[in-house]
Amino acid sequence: MQNEQLVNLVTAALEEVKAKDIVTIDVRGKTSITDFMVIASGASARQVKALAENVIEKAKEQGARPLGSEGLDGGEWALIDLNDVVVHVMQTETREHYDLERLWQGAEQSRAQHDEQGAE
């Protein structure tokens, strides 16, 4: 699976469980750790866990095995390492505190284009 396809799969899995403010950051050439970071917010520990678990499940269904995951039990910040795509799912307050988007402000960033006001 190509990196962009994996980013799209992750974004769709997050949208399916109603993640808020999904941002993709292209970090190719800026770090050797990964190519893309996807950051999303959940409203509660339960939602953060559900979002992370859905990403893992959908990735596995498409043959992308996570290298690891962290924080699923706590629900404040979950991380899923899909090798070339690293997913951060955080409660809103935690996301605001760590402000990963600012840390990677020199990298190209894009927001998911889902309809915030509901279906038309």
Protein backbone atom coordinates (compact mmCIF):
# COMPACT_ATOMS: atom_id res chain seq x y z
CA MET A 1 0.00 0.00 0.00
CA GLN A 2 1.35 3.43 -0.95
CA ASN A 3 1.83 6.03 1.79
CA GLU A 4 -0.88 8.33 0.43
CA GLN A 5 -3.33 5.41 0.32
CA LEU A 6 -2.51 4.61 3.94
CA VAL A 7 -3.06 8.26 4.93
CA ASN A 8 -6.46 8.15 3.19
CA LEU A 9 -7.34 4.88 4.94
CA VAL A 10 -6.36 6.36 8.34
CA THR A 11 -8.34 9.53 7.67
CA ALA A 12 -11.44 7.55 6.67
CA ALA A 13 -11.13 5.35 9.78
CA LEU A 14 -10.91 8.45 11.97
CA GLU A 15 -13.86 10.13 10.25
CA GLU A 16 -15.92 6.95 10.67
CA VAL A 17 -15.74 7.33 14.47
CA LYS A 18 -16.27 11.13 14.30
CA ALA A 19 -12.75 12.40 14.99
CA LYS A 20 -12.40 16.17 15.11
CA ASP A 21 -9.84 18.38 13.36
CA ILE A 22 -7.90 15.73 11.40
CA VAL A 23 -4.57 17.08 10.15
CA THR A 24 -2.02 15.33 7.95
CA ILE A 25 1.58 16.53 8.10
CA ASP A 26 4.05 15.56 5.38
CA VAL A 27 7.39 15.16 7.18
CA ARG A 28 9.31 13.52 4.32
CA GLY A 29 12.78 15.01 4.25
CA LYS A 30 12.36 16.50 7.73
CA THR A 31 12.75 13.31 9.79
CA SER A 32 13.82 9.74 9.16
CA ILE A 33 11.23 8.39 11.61
CA THR A 34 8.21 8.49 9.27
CA ASP A 35 6.85 10.13 6.12
CA PHE A 36 3.47 11.34 7.38
CA MET A 37 1.87 12.17 10.70
CA VAL A 38 -1.89 12.22 11.12
CA ILE A 39 -3.24 14.06 14.15
CA ALA A 40 -6.86 13.95 15.30
CA SER A 41 -8.89 14.85 18.37
CA GLY A 42 -11.39 12.87 20.37
CA ALA A 43 -13.81 14.31 22.92
CA SER A 44 -13.15 11.75 25.67
CA ALA A 45 -10.87 8.91 26.71
CA ARG A 46 -13.46 6.46 25.38
CA GLN A 47 -13.55 8.14 21.97
CA VAL A 48 -9.74 8.39 21.73
CA LYS A 49 -9.54 4.65 22.37
CA ALA A 50 -12.32 3.91 19.84
CA LEU A 51 -10.63 6.07 17.20
CA ALA A 52 -7.26 4.39 17.70
CA GLU A 53 -8.76 0.90 17.69
CA ASN A 54 -10.67 1.65 14.47
CA VAL A 55 -7.48 2.85 12.77
CA ILE A 56 -5.69 -0.34 13.82
CA GLU A 57 -8.58 -2.55 12.67
CA LYS A 58 -8.94 -0.86 9.26
CA ALA A 59 -5.18 -0.90 8.67
CA LYS A 60 -4.98 -4.62 9.47
CA GLU A 61 -7.92 -5.32 7.13
CA GLN A 62 -5.85 -3.79 4.32
CA GLY A 63 -2.69 -5.69 5.26
CA ALA A 64 -0.89 -2.82 7.02
CA ARG A 65 0.32 -4.22 10.32
CA PRO A 66 1.05 -1.61 13.00
CA LEU A 67 4.61 -1.71 14.31
CA GLY A 68 3.23 -0.70 17.69
CA SER A 69 0.73 1.37 19.60
CA GLU A 70 0.83 3.31 22.85
CA GLY A 71 -1.70 4.93 25.16
CA LEU A 72 -4.79 2.93 24.29
CA ASP A 73 -5.49 2.16 27.94
CA GLY A 74 -5.18 5.75 29.18
CA GLY A 75 -7.20 7.42 26.45
CA GLU A 76 -5.53 10.81 26.73
CA TRP A 77 -3.10 10.32 23.82
CA ALA A 78 -2.94 7.23 21.64
CA LEU A 79 -0.19 6.67 19.10
CA ILE A 80 -0.28 4.12 16.29
CA ASP A 81 2.94 3.47 14.35
CA LEU A 82 2.18 2.26 10.84
CA ASN A 83 5.82 2.73 9.80
CA ASP A 84 5.52 5.40 7.10
CA VAL A 85 2.44 6.92 8.77
CA VAL A 86 2.31 7.71 12.50
CA VAL A 87 -1.12 8.48 13.95
CA HIS A 88 -1.65 10.63 17.05
CA VAL A 89 -5.16 10.66 18.55
CA MET A 90 -5.56 12.98 21.52
CA GLN A 91 -8.15 14.54 23.73
CA THR A 92 -8.57 18.20 22.77
CA GLU A 93 -6.84 19.59 25.87
CA THR A 94 -3.83 17.31 25.41
CA ARG A 95 -3.57 18.26 21.74
CA GLU A 96 -3.67 21.96 22.58
CA HIS A 97 -1.00 21.49 25.24
CA TYR A 98 1.51 19.63 23.04
CA ASP A 99 0.62 21.51 19.84
CA LEU A 100 2.35 19.09 17.45
CA GLU A 101 1.22 21.13 14.45
CA ARG A 102 3.33 24.06 15.68
CA LEU A 103 6.33 21.80 16.21
CA TRP A 104 6.08 20.74 12.55
CA GLN A 105 5.04 24.15 11.20
CA GLY A 106 7.71 24.04 8.49
CA ALA A 107 6.16 20.89 7.01
CA GLU A 108 3.24 20.78 4.60
CA GLN A 109 -0.02 20.35 6.51
CA SER A 110 -3.52 19.58 5.28
CA ARG A 111 -6.86 19.24 7.03
CA ALA A 112 -9.42 16.55 6.25
CA GLN A 113 -12.25 17.97 4.19
CA HIS A 114 -15.21 16.21 5.80
CA ASP A 115 -18.49 18.10 6.16
CA GLU A 116 -18.60 19.56 9.70
CA GLN A 117 -22.29 20.59 9.39
CA GLY A 118 -23.66 17.18 8.51
CA ALA A 119 -24.77 15.53 5.31
CA GLU A 120 -26.32 17.64 2.61
